[in-house]
Protein backbone atom coordinates (compact mmCIF):
# COMPACT_ATOMS: atom_id res chain seq x y z
CA MET A 1 0.00 0.00 0.00
CA LEU A 2 2.86 2.40 0.77
CA PHE A 3 4.39 1.79 -2.64
CA GLY A 4 1.13 2.75 -4.35
CA PHE A 5 0.97 6.00 -2.37
CA CYS A 6 4.56 6.92 -3.29
CA LEU A 7 3.99 6.10 -6.95
CA ASN A 8 0.83 8.23 -6.97
CA GLN A 9 2.71 11.19 -5.46
CA PHE A 10 5.48 10.79 -8.04
CA MET A 11 3.02 10.70 -10.95
CA ASN A 12 1.32 13.89 -9.72
CA PHE A 13 4.60 15.82 -9.30
CA ARG A 14 4.70 18.90 -11.53
CA PRO A 15 8.16 20.52 -11.62
CA GLN A 16 6.87 23.58 -13.51
CA LYS A 17 5.03 24.60 -10.36
CA TYR A 18 8.30 24.83 -8.44
CA LEU A 19 10.53 26.27 -11.17
CA SER A 20 9.07 29.72 -10.72
CA MET A 21 10.05 29.66 -7.04
CA LEU A 22 13.68 28.86 -7.80
CA ARG A 23 15.83 31.67 -9.10
CA ARG A 24 19.43 31.06 -10.01
CA TYR A 25 21.60 34.09 -9.61
CA ARG A 26 24.66 34.54 -11.78
CA THR A 27 28.16 35.24 -10.59
CA ILE A 28 31.07 37.29 -11.97
CA PRO A 29 32.61 34.37 -13.95
CA ASP A 30 29.31 34.12 -15.89
CA LEU A 31 29.77 37.61 -17.37
CA LYS A 32 31.25 38.20 -20.79
CA VAL A 33 33.79 40.95 -21.48
CA HIS A 34 32.17 44.45 -21.41
CA GLU A 35 28.93 43.03 -20.00
CA THR A 36 27.46 44.86 -17.01
CA ALA A 37 25.46 43.61 -14.03
CA ARG A 38 24.39 44.76 -10.60
CA ALA A 39 25.86 43.20 -7.44
CA LEU A 40 23.18 41.69 -5.21
CA ALA A 41 24.94 39.93 -2.34
CA PHE A 42 28.07 38.15 -1.21
CA GLU A 43 28.17 34.49 -0.19
CA ASP A 44 31.33 34.75 1.94
CA PRO A 45 30.99 37.13 4.94
CA VAL A 46 34.75 37.64 5.31
CA LEU A 47 35.09 38.53 1.63
CA ALA A 48 32.02 40.77 1.92
CA GLY A 49 33.83 42.89 4.50
CA ARG A 50 36.88 43.27 2.27
CA LEU A 51 34.85 44.10 -0.84
CA THR A 52 32.67 46.67 0.91
CA ALA A 53 35.84 48.33 2.23
CA MET A 54 37.02 48.62 -1.39
CA GLY A 55 33.70 50.17 -2.44
CA LEU A 56 31.90 47.17 -3.91
CA LEU A 57 28.53 47.36 -2.18
CA PRO A 58 25.29 45.51 -2.97
CA GLY A 59 23.59 47.47 -5.73
CA THR A 60 26.86 48.54 -7.34
CA LEU A 61 27.07 48.36 -11.12
CA ILE A 62 29.83 45.96 -12.22
CA GLU A 63 31.43 45.75 -15.67
CA MET A 64 33.66 42.87 -16.75
CA VAL A 65 36.80 44.48 -18.17
CA ARG A 66 39.06 41.51 -18.83
CA ILE A 67 39.54 37.83 -18.01
CA ALA A 68 43.02 36.47 -17.24
CA PRO A 69 44.47 34.20 -19.94
CA PHE A 70 43.96 31.00 -17.93
CA GLY A 71 40.66 32.13 -16.41
CA ASN A 72 41.83 32.24 -12.79
CA ALA A 73 41.40 36.00 -12.33
CA TYR A 74 38.89 38.64 -13.39
CA TYR A 75 39.44 42.35 -13.90
CA ILE A 76 36.23 44.29 -13.16
CA LYS A 77 35.15 47.90 -12.88
CA ALA A 78 32.73 48.75 -10.07
CA ASP A 79 31.51 52.37 -10.05
CA GLY A 80 34.73 53.55 -11.67
CA VAL A 81 37.01 51.55 -9.36
CA ARG A 82 39.00 48.81 -11.08
CA LEU A 83 39.49 45.59 -9.14
CA ALA A 84 41.25 42.32 -9.83
CA LEU A 85 39.54 39.32 -8.25
CA ARG A 86 40.54 35.68 -7.94
CA LYS A 87 38.16 33.10 -9.35
CA GLU A 88 37.06 32.03 -5.83
CA GLU A 89 36.32 35.62 -4.84
CA ALA A 90 34.46 36.39 -8.07
CA SER A 91 32.36 33.24 -7.69
CA SER A 92 31.05 34.39 -4.32
CA ILE A 93 29.54 37.64 -5.67
CA LEU A 94 25.91 37.18 -6.72
CA ILE A 95 24.83 39.45 -9.57
CA ASP A 96 21.63 40.27 -11.42
CA VAL A 97 21.94 41.05 -15.11
C-alpha cells in the first residue's frame, strides 16, 4: 500500500510549479567581457567585508573588463574603481543582469 501511495505522489509531481520559485543568480565568472550587471549579495561574509571596504557594495554596477588568460582571475570595474579578483572571490559575488 505504501508503494502505491509513493507512486501516486510521483506521478502527480509537476516541476513547472516549483521552477518559478527557484531563481538562479549569476556570478562574476558568468559575465562576458564588457557586459554589465548589478551586485546583489556576497556568499562569503569575510570577503564581503573586504569588498565593501574597497567600495563594492550591494547594488553597485559591475562591468567585466578583462579575463586572465587562464581564467583564474577577473578584472572588473565597479563604479569607476577597477578591481582584480581571484576566481574564488568572483564566484562568491551574486549578480543580477
